[in-house]
Amino acid sequence: MNVEIEELSPCRRKLSIEVPAEEVAKEFDDALATYSQNVALPGFRPGKAPKQLVKSKYKKEILGRLRDHLLPKSYHETLQEQKLNVLTILEMDEDIEVKEGEPLVYSVTVDIRPEIELPEYKGMKLTSESEEVKEEEVDARIEALREQRADFDEVTDRPVARGDMAQIDFKGSLDGTALEEAEPEAKGLGEGKDFWLQASDEAFIPELGLGLAGLSIGDKESIKASFPADFVVKNLQGKEVEFEVEVKAIRARKLPDVDEAFFKSLGVKDGKDFRKQILDSLEAEKDRAANGKLRQAIENDLLEKVSVELPESLVADATQQQIQQIAGDMQKGGMEEDQLMEQKDQILETAKQVAERQVKLRLILQEIAGKEELAVSESEFKREIQMMAYAYSMQADELERRLKQNNQLDDLRGDIVCRKVLQLIQDEAVIAD
């Protein structure tokens, strides 16, 4: 074959491939012979029809199948001969035809895996940031568990205190106009009856919640409150609204006692067992955090020491995924479409930076995996699928089917390999406390 390679960018090549006419003719003759042995023409027994008659009747079909055979054959032979590690096929000539007596000529544009000069990655010097769990941290976690299981008791003999729940009727106004009339998007915020609101800065309008403290049942009060700057209704962000409220009931938060009933509700035997479980849980959290920092240090070291040109197609795909993720997170946080458009340049820049880091790190880890001959066994792959399925509350075979439909199985195997590389580096590292 005749092959010309044009370098379009550091990782992009245009391959111009020519399969000589004599090779095309030989392949055509072989295909014609196969057809002649298997087709039946009127007046002839199967396999006995003259080749010229078979050729006359089936030439178009033979040439079509020959095209489907020669294109992948010549393409893969080119990659082997030229030692090209292709990541992505970007473009191929359209309407490629095989013509009898003529060479097959076509071009294909690809992104190739860049050559990477690896630094010394074994014996990396790292520092562990693991910390001991302090008694006050155990106490704080116990208090948090008590908060999660808190009840509320009716209160009639005192005003609202911070942290209480208060049942209120309320009406809101903006610049003297009923809130929902002034801002139609504020539906449900302008007026309410028997509405329970916590008297704290954790209320959806913090100033309104805090303003309830000190009021007694039956009290009526005017409370001015500003909506947060990130409030879900854009036109109310930062606006001051006046609420006329009446307190109708009060409930005080009651934390459970740390007693036998509390231990039983958590499935532990006694106070000693309870503190030990809390301690073990906190130690595991700190170990995971320290391990995450070690992995981050390994990644940063590799990224700093390796200089490599990145394939444009991989960066483009990763950038698009990041844009979708960033935009999705912003929308979940209450940001409107027009606000996203206002920040599109910033979102794109952030997404591209993250994408370039991801692509570069993955290429480096894959290069190390190849050098170390690391692979994913079928048992490792199945175990990963089962763990993911458990996390998503799905059946493992259903998750695998969906991943296959979305062409994500190879990506998942790649993720597992990259984790194995990071673990290998960590195991080989010199870690100081």
Protein backbone atom coordinates (compact mmCIF):
# COMPACT_ATOMS: atom_id res chain seq x y z
CA MET A 1 0.00 0.00 0.00
CA ASN A 2 0.97 3.60 -0.53
CA VAL A 3 0.43 5.79 2.53
CA GLU A 4 1.00 9.50 3.03
CA ILE A 5 0.73 11.03 6.50
CA GLU A 6 0.07 14.73 7.01
CA GLU A 7 0.57 16.19 10.48
CA LEU A 8 -2.33 18.56 11.13
CA SER A 9 -1.44 19.18 14.78
CA PRO A 10 0.74 17.46 17.39
CA CYS A 11 -1.82 14.67 17.90
CA ARG A 12 -3.80 14.85 14.64
CA ARG A 13 -2.93 13.08 11.40
CA LYS A 14 -4.50 12.84 7.96
CA LEU A 15 -3.82 9.45 6.38
CA SER A 16 -4.03 9.21 2.60
CA ILE A 17 -4.20 5.50 1.77
CA GLU A 18 -3.96 3.87 -1.65
CA VAL A 19 -4.59 0.17 -2.18
CA PRO A 20 -2.89 -0.66 -5.52
CA ALA A 21 -5.05 -1.67 -8.49
CA GLU A 22 -3.41 -5.12 -8.62
CA GLU A 23 -4.35 -5.76 -4.97
CA VAL A 24 -7.92 -4.65 -5.66
CA ALA A 25 -8.00 -6.95 -8.72
CA LYS A 26 -6.75 -9.92 -6.71
CA GLU A 27 -9.31 -9.35 -3.98
CA PHE A 28 -12.03 -8.97 -6.62
CA ASP A 29 -11.04 -12.25 -8.28
CA ASP A 30 -11.10 -14.03 -4.92
CA ALA A 31 -14.55 -12.61 -4.16
CA LEU A 32 -15.81 -13.55 -7.62
CA ALA A 33 -14.53 -17.12 -7.16
CA THR A 34 -16.38 -17.38 -3.84
CA TYR A 35 -19.60 -16.10 -5.43
CA SER A 36 -19.22 -18.52 -8.35
CA GLN A 37 -19.00 -21.49 -6.00
CA ASN A 38 -22.08 -20.53 -4.01
CA VAL A 39 -24.66 -18.88 -6.28
CA ALA A 40 -27.09 -20.57 -8.64
CA LEU A 41 -28.09 -19.10 -11.99
CA PRO A 42 -31.00 -20.34 -14.12
CA GLY A 43 -29.85 -23.25 -16.29
CA PHE A 44 -26.77 -24.03 -14.21
CA ARG A 45 -26.20 -26.20 -11.18
CA PRO A 46 -24.92 -24.39 -8.06
CA GLY A 47 -21.25 -23.55 -8.47
CA LYS A 48 -21.23 -24.40 -12.22
CA ALA A 49 -22.23 -21.05 -13.72
CA PRO A 50 -19.48 -19.35 -15.77
CA LYS A 51 -17.63 -16.64 -13.84
CA GLN A 52 -18.44 -14.03 -16.48
CA LEU A 53 -22.16 -14.61 -16.01
CA VAL A 54 -21.76 -14.43 -12.23
CA LYS A 55 -19.71 -11.27 -12.63
CA SER A 56 -22.29 -9.71 -14.94
CA LYS A 57 -25.15 -10.37 -12.50
CA TYR A 58 -23.41 -9.72 -9.16
CA LYS A 59 -20.68 -7.21 -9.97
CA LYS A 60 -22.27 -4.33 -8.04
CA GLU A 61 -22.85 -6.49 -4.96
CA ILE A 62 -19.32 -7.93 -5.13
CA LEU A 63 -17.78 -4.46 -5.34
CA GLY A 64 -19.89 -3.29 -2.38
CA ARG A 65 -18.80 -6.19 -0.19
CA LEU A 66 -15.24 -5.76 -1.38
CA ARG A 67 -15.36 -2.16 -0.20
CA ASP A 68 -16.58 -3.27 3.25
CA HIS A 69 -13.67 -5.74 3.36
CA LEU A 70 -10.84 -3.59 1.96
CA LEU A 71 -11.51 -0.41 3.96
CA PRO A 72 -11.00 -1.85 7.47
CA LYS A 73 -8.28 -4.21 6.22
CA SER A 74 -6.20 -1.47 4.61
CA TYR A 75 -6.84 0.94 7.50
CA HIS A 76 -5.67 -1.49 10.19
CA GLU A 77 -2.68 -2.58 8.14
CA THR A 78 -1.72 1.09 7.81
CA LEU A 79 -1.89 1.57 11.59
CA GLN A 80 0.32 -1.47 12.14
CA GLU A 81 2.86 -0.51 9.48
CA GLN A 82 3.05 3.11 10.59
CA LYS A 83 2.92 2.23 14.31
CA LEU A 84 0.05 4.63 14.96
CA ASN A 85 -1.96 4.38 18.18
CA VAL A 86 -5.28 5.92 17.18
CA LEU A 87 -7.60 7.30 19.84
CA THR A 88 -10.36 8.70 17.68
CA ILE A 89 -11.41 8.57 14.02
CA LEU A 90 -12.54 12.11 13.23
CA GLU A 91 -13.32 12.06 9.54
CA MET A 92 -13.30 9.73 6.55
CA ASP A 93 -14.00 10.41 2.89
CA GLU A 94 -17.62 9.96 1.90
CA ASP A 95 -18.87 7.83 -1.01
CA ILE A 96 -15.74 5.70 -1.21
CA GLU A 97 -16.13 3.25 -4.07
CA VAL A 98 -14.18 0.23 -5.24
CA LYS A 99 -13.86 0.21 -9.02
CA GLU A 100 -12.59 -2.70 -11.04
CA GLY A 101 -9.15 -2.11 -12.50
CA GLU A 102 -8.51 0.99 -10.35
CA PRO A 103 -6.71 1.53 -7.04
CA LEU A 104 -8.79 2.17 -3.92
CA VAL A 105 -7.90 5.67 -2.71
CA TYR A 106 -9.28 7.36 0.40
CA SER A 107 -8.24 9.51 3.35
CA VAL A 108 -9.04 9.40 7.04
CA THR A 109 -8.29 11.95 9.78
CA VAL A 110 -7.47 10.64 13.24
CA ASP A 111 -6.26 11.74 16.66
CA ILE A 112 -3.39 9.62 17.93
CA ARG A 113 -2.12 8.86 21.40
CA PRO A 114 0.81 11.18 22.15
CA GLU A 115 4.19 9.84 23.16
CA ILE A 116 4.75 10.32 26.88
CA GLU A 117 8.11 10.35 28.63
CA LEU A 118 7.33 9.05 32.08
CA PRO A 119 9.12 10.37 35.17
CA GLU A 120 10.24 8.05 37.95
CA TYR A 121 6.98 7.18 39.62
CA LYS A 122 8.14 4.50 42.05
CA GLY A 123 9.54 5.57 45.40
CA MET A 124 7.66 8.86 45.30
CA LYS A 125 8.15 10.79 48.56
CA LEU A 126 4.82 11.67 50.12
CA THR A 127 3.54 12.96 53.46
CA SER A 128 0.51 11.47 55.16
CA GLU A 129 -1.85 13.99 56.76
CA SER A 130 -3.73 11.44 58.83
CA GLU A 131 -4.96 12.87 62.14
CA GLU A 132 -5.99 11.28 65.41
CA VAL A 133 -9.63 11.61 66.41
CA LYS A 134 -10.12 13.94 69.37
CA GLU A 135 -12.61 13.33 72.15
CA GLU A 136 -14.41 16.57 71.36
CA GLU A 137 -14.96 15.32 67.80
CA VAL A 138 -16.65 12.21 69.18
CA ASP A 139 -18.80 14.43 71.40
CA ALA A 140 -19.72 16.66 68.46
CA ARG A 141 -20.77 13.63 66.38
CA ILE A 142 -22.92 12.37 69.24
CA GLU A 143 -24.61 15.78 69.47
CA ALA A 144 -25.21 15.72 65.73
CA LEU A 145 -26.91 12.33 66.05
CA ARG A 146 -29.07 13.69 68.87
CA GLU A 147 -30.02 16.66 66.66
CA GLN A 148 -31.07 14.28 63.88
CA ARG A 149 -33.40 12.47 66.29
CA ALA A 150 -34.76 15.53 68.03
CA ASP A 151 -38.49 15.86 68.75
CA PHE A 152 -40.54 19.01 69.25
CA ASP A 153 -42.76 19.57 72.28
CA GLU A 154 -45.63 22.05 72.44
CA VAL A 155 -44.77 25.23 74.40
CA THR A 156 -47.36 27.65 75.82
CA ASP A 157 -45.65 29.34 78.74
CA ARG A 158 -42.87 31.31 77.07
CA PRO A 159 -41.98 33.22 73.88
CA VAL A 160 -40.30 31.74 70.83
CA ALA A 161 -36.62 30.93 71.43
CA ARG A 162 -33.96 30.44 68.78
CA GLY A 163 -34.17 26.92 67.40
CA ASP A 164 -37.93 26.60 68.14
CA MET A 165 -40.49 25.89 65.46
CA ALA A 166 -43.21 28.53 65.26
CA GLN A 167 -46.56 28.15 63.53
CA ILE A 168 -47.47 31.43 61.86
CA ASP A 169 -49.91 33.16 59.56
CA PHE A 170 -48.09 35.64 57.34
CA LYS A 171 -48.53 38.14 54.54
CA GLY A 172 -45.68 39.69 52.61
CA SER A 173 -45.47 42.99 50.76
CA LEU A 174 -42.86 44.57 48.53
CA ASP A 175 -42.74 48.38 48.52
CA GLY A 176 -46.30 48.46 49.88
CA THR A 177 -47.69 46.03 47.26
CA ALA A 178 -48.76 42.46 48.05
CA LEU A 179 -45.73 40.30 47.32
CA GLU A 180 -47.38 37.94 44.81
CA GLU A 181 -48.91 40.91 43.01
CA ALA A 182 -45.56 42.70 42.84
CA GLU A 183 -43.74 39.55 41.78
CA PRO A 184 -45.94 36.80 40.25
CA GLU A 185 -43.07 34.28 40.39
CA ALA A 186 -43.25 34.47 44.20
CA LYS A 187 -46.36 32.28 44.25
CA GLY A 188 -46.76 30.69 47.69
CA LEU A 189 -44.34 33.13 49.32
CA GLY A 190 -46.67 36.09 49.69
CA GLU A 191 -49.21 34.61 52.09
CA GLY A 192 -49.55 31.52 54.26
CA LYS A 193 -51.58 30.12 57.12
CA ASP A 194 -50.52 27.64 59.80
CA PHE A 195 -47.02 27.67 58.32
CA TRP A 196 -44.25 26.15 60.45
CA LEU A 197 -40.95 28.02 60.37
CA GLN A 198 -37.82 27.51 62.42
CA ALA A 199 -36.69 30.51 64.44
CA SER A 200 -33.09 30.40 63.22
CA ASP A 201 -30.81 31.40 60.39
CA GLU A 202 -31.54 28.00 58.84
CA ALA A 203 -35.00 29.25 57.75
CA PHE A 204 -35.48 29.70 54.00
CA ILE A 205 -35.52 33.45 54.70
CA PRO A 206 -33.03 33.73 57.60
CA GLU A 207 -34.06 37.21 58.76
CA LEU A 208 -37.71 36.15 58.95
CA GLY A 209 -36.82 33.07 60.99
CA LEU A 210 -34.62 35.05 63.39
CA GLY A 211 -37.29 37.75 63.69
CA LEU A 212 -39.70 35.29 65.31
CA ALA A 213 -37.51 34.93 68.42
CA GLY A 214 -39.09 36.68 71.41
CA LEU A 215 -42.68 36.59 70.10
CA SER A 216 -45.39 34.85 72.11
CA ILE A 217 -48.50 32.98 70.98
CA GLY A 218 -51.03 35.54 69.74
CA ASP A 219 -48.43 38.22 69.06
CA LYS A 220 -48.61 40.07 65.77
CA GLU A 221 -45.50 41.66 64.41
CA SER A 222 -44.11 43.30 61.28
CA ILE A 223 -40.76 41.78 60.31
CA LYS A 224 -38.55 43.16 57.56
CA ALA A 225 -36.42 40.53 55.83
CA SER A 226 -34.13 40.54 52.82
CA PHE A 227 -34.12 37.56 50.48
CA PRO A 228 -30.70 35.88 50.08
CA ALA A 229 -28.55 36.90 47.09
CA ASP A 230 -28.89 33.38 45.68
CA PHE A 231 -32.64 33.06 46.26
CA VAL A 232 -34.44 30.84 43.75
CA VAL A 233 -36.68 33.69 42.51
CA LYS A 234 -34.21 35.91 40.70
CA ASN A 235 -36.25 39.12 40.95
CA LEU A 236 -36.36 38.80 44.74
CA GLN A 237 -32.65 38.29 45.27
CA GLY A 238 -31.46 40.87 47.80
CA LYS A 239 -34.89 42.55 47.95
CA GLU A 240 -36.32 43.63 51.31
CA VAL A 241 -39.85 42.40 51.99
CA GLU A 242 -42.09 43.25 54.93
CA PHE A 243 -43.95 40.34 56.52
CA GLU A 244 -46.96 40.73 58.79
CA VAL A 245 -46.89 37.64 61.02
CA GLU A 246 -49.02 36.20 63.80
CA VAL A 247 -47.64 33.47 66.06
CA LYS A 248 -50.19 30.68 66.63
CA ALA A 249 -48.16 27.90 68.24
CA ILE A 250 -44.65 27.12 69.44
CA ARG A 251 -42.75 23.86 69.52
CA ALA A 252 -39.44 23.50 71.33
CA ARG A 253 -36.70 21.20 70.12
CA LYS A 254 -36.13 18.32 72.57
CA LEU A 255 -32.97 16.31 72.17
CA PRO A 256 -33.12 12.64 73.20
CA ASP A 257 -31.24 11.56 76.29
CA VAL A 258 -28.13 9.46 75.70
CA ASP A 259 -29.60 6.43 77.42
CA GLU A 260 -30.50 2.81 76.82
CA ALA A 261 -33.41 3.72 74.56
CA PHE A 262 -31.14 5.95 72.46
CA PHE A 263 -28.52 3.20 72.15
CA LYS A 264 -31.20 0.70 71.15
CA SER A 265 -32.50 3.01 68.42
CA LEU A 266 -28.98 3.07 66.96
CA GLY A 267 -28.42 -0.66 67.29
CA VAL A 268 -25.60 -0.47 69.88
CA LYS A 269 -25.27 -2.18 73.26
CA ASP A 270 -24.23 0.59 75.60
CA GLY A 271 -22.36 3.87 75.94
CA LYS A 272 -18.95 2.25 75.62
CA ASP A 273 -19.91 0.43 72.43
CA PHE A 274 -21.56 3.62 71.14
CA ARG A 275 -18.44 5.76 71.57
CA LYS A 276 -16.27 3.05 70.05
CA GLN A 277 -18.45 2.90 66.94
CA ILE A 278 -18.38 6.68 66.64
CA LEU A 279 -14.59 6.64 67.10
CA ASP A 280 -14.15 3.91 64.46
CA SER A 281 -16.37 5.80 62.04
CA LEU A 282 -14.45 9.05 62.49
CA GLU A 283 -11.11 7.27 62.14
CA ALA A 284 -12.31 5.68 58.89
CA GLU A 285 -13.40 9.11 57.62
CA LYS A 286 -10.02 10.63 58.45
CA ASP A 287 -8.20 7.71 56.82
CA ARG A 288 -10.26 8.16 53.65
CA ALA A 289 -9.54 11.88 53.67
CA ALA A 290 -5.81 11.30 54.19
CA ASN A 291 -5.79 8.67 51.45
CA GLY A 292 -7.57 11.10 49.14
CA LYS A 293 -4.89 13.71 49.82
CA LEU A 294 -2.16 11.17 49.04
CA ARG A 295 -3.83 10.36 45.73
CA GLN A 296 -4.12 14.08 45.00
CA ALA A 297 -0.42 14.55 45.74
CA ILE A 298 0.45 11.68 43.39
CA GLU A 299 -1.70 13.14 40.62
CA ASN A 300 -0.23 16.62 41.08
CA ASP A 301 3.32 15.23 41.00
CA LEU A 302 2.69 13.35 37.75
CA LEU A 303 0.94 16.31 36.13
CA GLU A 304 3.77 18.66 37.10
CA LYS A 305 6.55 16.41 35.83
CA VAL A 306 5.00 15.34 32.51
CA SER A 307 4.76 17.61 29.50
CA VAL A 308 2.52 16.28 26.74
CA GLU A 309 0.43 17.57 23.86
CA LEU A 310 -3.24 16.67 24.39
CA PRO A 311 -5.47 15.17 21.67
CA GLU A 312 -7.98 17.83 20.71
CA SER A 313 -10.91 15.43 20.36
CA LEU A 314 -10.46 14.03 23.89
CA VAL A 315 -10.26 17.52 25.38
CA ALA A 316 -13.34 18.63 23.43
CA ASP A 317 -15.40 15.65 24.61
CA ALA A 318 -14.26 16.05 28.22
CA THR A 319 -14.96 19.80 28.09
CA GLN A 320 -18.51 19.18 26.88
CA GLN A 321 -19.11 16.74 29.72
CA GLN A 322 -17.80 19.26 32.23
CA ILE A 323 -20.00 22.03 30.83
CA GLN A 324 -23.06 19.83 31.25
CA GLN A 325 -22.07 18.93 34.80
CA ILE A 326 -21.30 22.52 35.84
CA ALA A 327 -24.49 23.86 34.27
CA GLY A 328 -26.52 21.06 35.84
CA ASP A 329 -25.12 21.80 39.29
CA MET A 330 -25.84 25.51 38.85
CA GLN A 331 -29.43 24.84 37.80
CA LYS A 332 -29.95 22.55 40.79
CA GLY A 333 -28.77 25.47 42.91
CA GLY A 334 -31.56 27.61 41.48
CA MET A 335 -29.75 29.45 38.68
CA GLU A 336 -31.90 30.41 35.71
CA GLU A 337 -31.11 29.83 32.03
CA ASP A 338 -30.36 33.50 31.35
CA GLN A 339 -27.93 33.59 34.27
CA LEU A 340 -26.12 30.58 32.84
CA MET A 341 -25.80 32.36 29.50
CA GLU A 342 -24.32 35.40 31.24
CA GLN A 343 -21.61 33.17 32.70
CA LYS A 344 -21.07 30.95 29.65
CA ASP A 345 -17.51 32.18 29.00
CA GLN A 346 -16.48 31.57 32.59
CA ILE A 347 -18.18 28.15 32.57
CA LEU A 348 -16.39 27.22 29.34
CA GLU A 349 -13.01 28.30 30.68
CA THR A 350 -13.48 26.37 33.92
CA ALA A 351 -14.74 23.31 32.06
CA LYS A 352 -11.78 23.34 29.68
CA GLN A 353 -9.24 23.62 32.50
CA VAL A 354 -10.79 20.67 34.33
CA ALA A 355 -11.05 18.67 31.09
CA GLU A 356 -7.41 19.23 30.17
CA ARG A 357 -6.32 18.07 33.61
CA GLN A 358 -8.50 14.97 33.40
CA VAL A 359 -7.31 14.04 29.91
CA LYS A 360 -3.65 14.58 30.72
CA LEU A 361 -3.81 12.56 33.94
CA ARG A 362 -5.67 9.70 32.25
CA LEU A 363 -3.11 9.52 29.43
CA ILE A 364 -0.25 9.41 31.96
CA LEU A 365 -1.91 6.71 34.05
CA GLN A 366 -2.70 4.65 30.94
CA GLU A 367 0.93 4.91 29.87
CA ILE A 368 2.06 3.61 33.26
CA ALA A 369 -0.56 0.84 33.10
CA GLY A 370 0.88 -0.28 29.77
CA LYS A 371 4.42 -0.24 31.11
CA GLU A 372 3.40 -2.19 34.22
CA GLU A 373 1.14 -4.52 32.17
CA LEU A 374 -1.81 -3.75 34.42
CA ALA A 375 -5.20 -4.93 33.21
CA VAL A 376 -8.72 -5.47 34.54
CA SER A 377 -9.70 -9.06 35.19
CA GLU A 378 -13.26 -10.17 34.53
CA SER A 379 -13.82 -10.73 38.26
CA GLU A 380 -12.61 -7.18 39.03
CA PHE A 381 -14.91 -5.78 36.36
CA LYS A 382 -17.94 -7.74 37.60
CA ARG A 383 -17.23 -6.65 41.19
CA GLU A 384 -17.13 -3.00 40.08
CA ILE A 385 -20.45 -3.41 38.26
CA GLN A 386 -22.01 -4.98 41.36
CA MET A 387 -20.79 -2.16 43.61
CA MET A 388 -22.11 0.49 41.23
CA ALA A 389 -25.42 -1.33 40.87
CA TYR A 390 -25.78 -1.45 44.66
CA ALA A 391 -25.11 2.30 44.89
CA TYR A 392 -27.72 3.01 42.18
CA SER A 393 -30.24 0.48 43.59
CA MET A 394 -30.18 -1.46 40.32
CA GLN A 395 -29.62 -5.02 39.20
CA ALA A 396 -26.04 -5.59 38.04
CA ASP A 397 -27.02 -7.06 34.66
CA GLU A 398 -29.34 -4.11 33.97
CA LEU A 399 -26.58 -1.59 34.77
CA GLU A 400 -24.12 -3.44 32.55
CA ARG A 401 -26.68 -3.46 29.72
CA ARG A 402 -27.17 0.31 30.01
CA LEU A 403 -23.43 0.97 30.09
CA LYS A 404 -23.02 -1.15 26.99
CA GLN A 405 -25.81 0.73 25.20
CA ASN A 406 -24.06 4.03 25.98
CA ASN A 407 -20.62 2.68 24.95
CA GLN A 408 -19.31 3.25 28.49
CA LEU A 409 -17.90 -0.18 29.31
CA ASP A 410 -14.42 0.65 28.01
CA ASP A 411 -14.45 3.90 29.99
CA LEU A 412 -15.32 1.97 33.14
CA ARG A 413 -12.48 -0.50 32.55
CA GLY A 414 -10.19 2.49 32.04
CA ASP A 415 -11.32 3.99 35.35
CA ILE A 416 -10.50 0.75 37.15
CA VAL A 417 -7.05 0.54 35.54
CA CYS A 418 -6.27 4.14 36.50
CA ARG A 419 -7.19 3.43 40.12
CA LYS A 420 -4.91 0.38 40.06
CA VAL A 421 -2.05 2.55 38.81
CA LEU A 422 -2.58 5.09 41.58
CA GLN A 423 -2.67 2.29 44.15
CA LEU A 424 0.56 0.83 42.76
CA ILE A 425 2.31 4.20 43.01
CA GLN A 426 0.99 4.70 46.54
CA ASP A 427 2.12 1.22 47.59
CA GLU A 428 5.61 1.92 46.20
CA ALA A 429 5.84 5.41 47.72
CA VAL A 430 7.90 6.48 50.71
CA ILE A 431 5.28 7.94 53.03
CA ALA A 432 6.27 10.07 56.02
CA ASP A 433 3.85 10.82 58.85
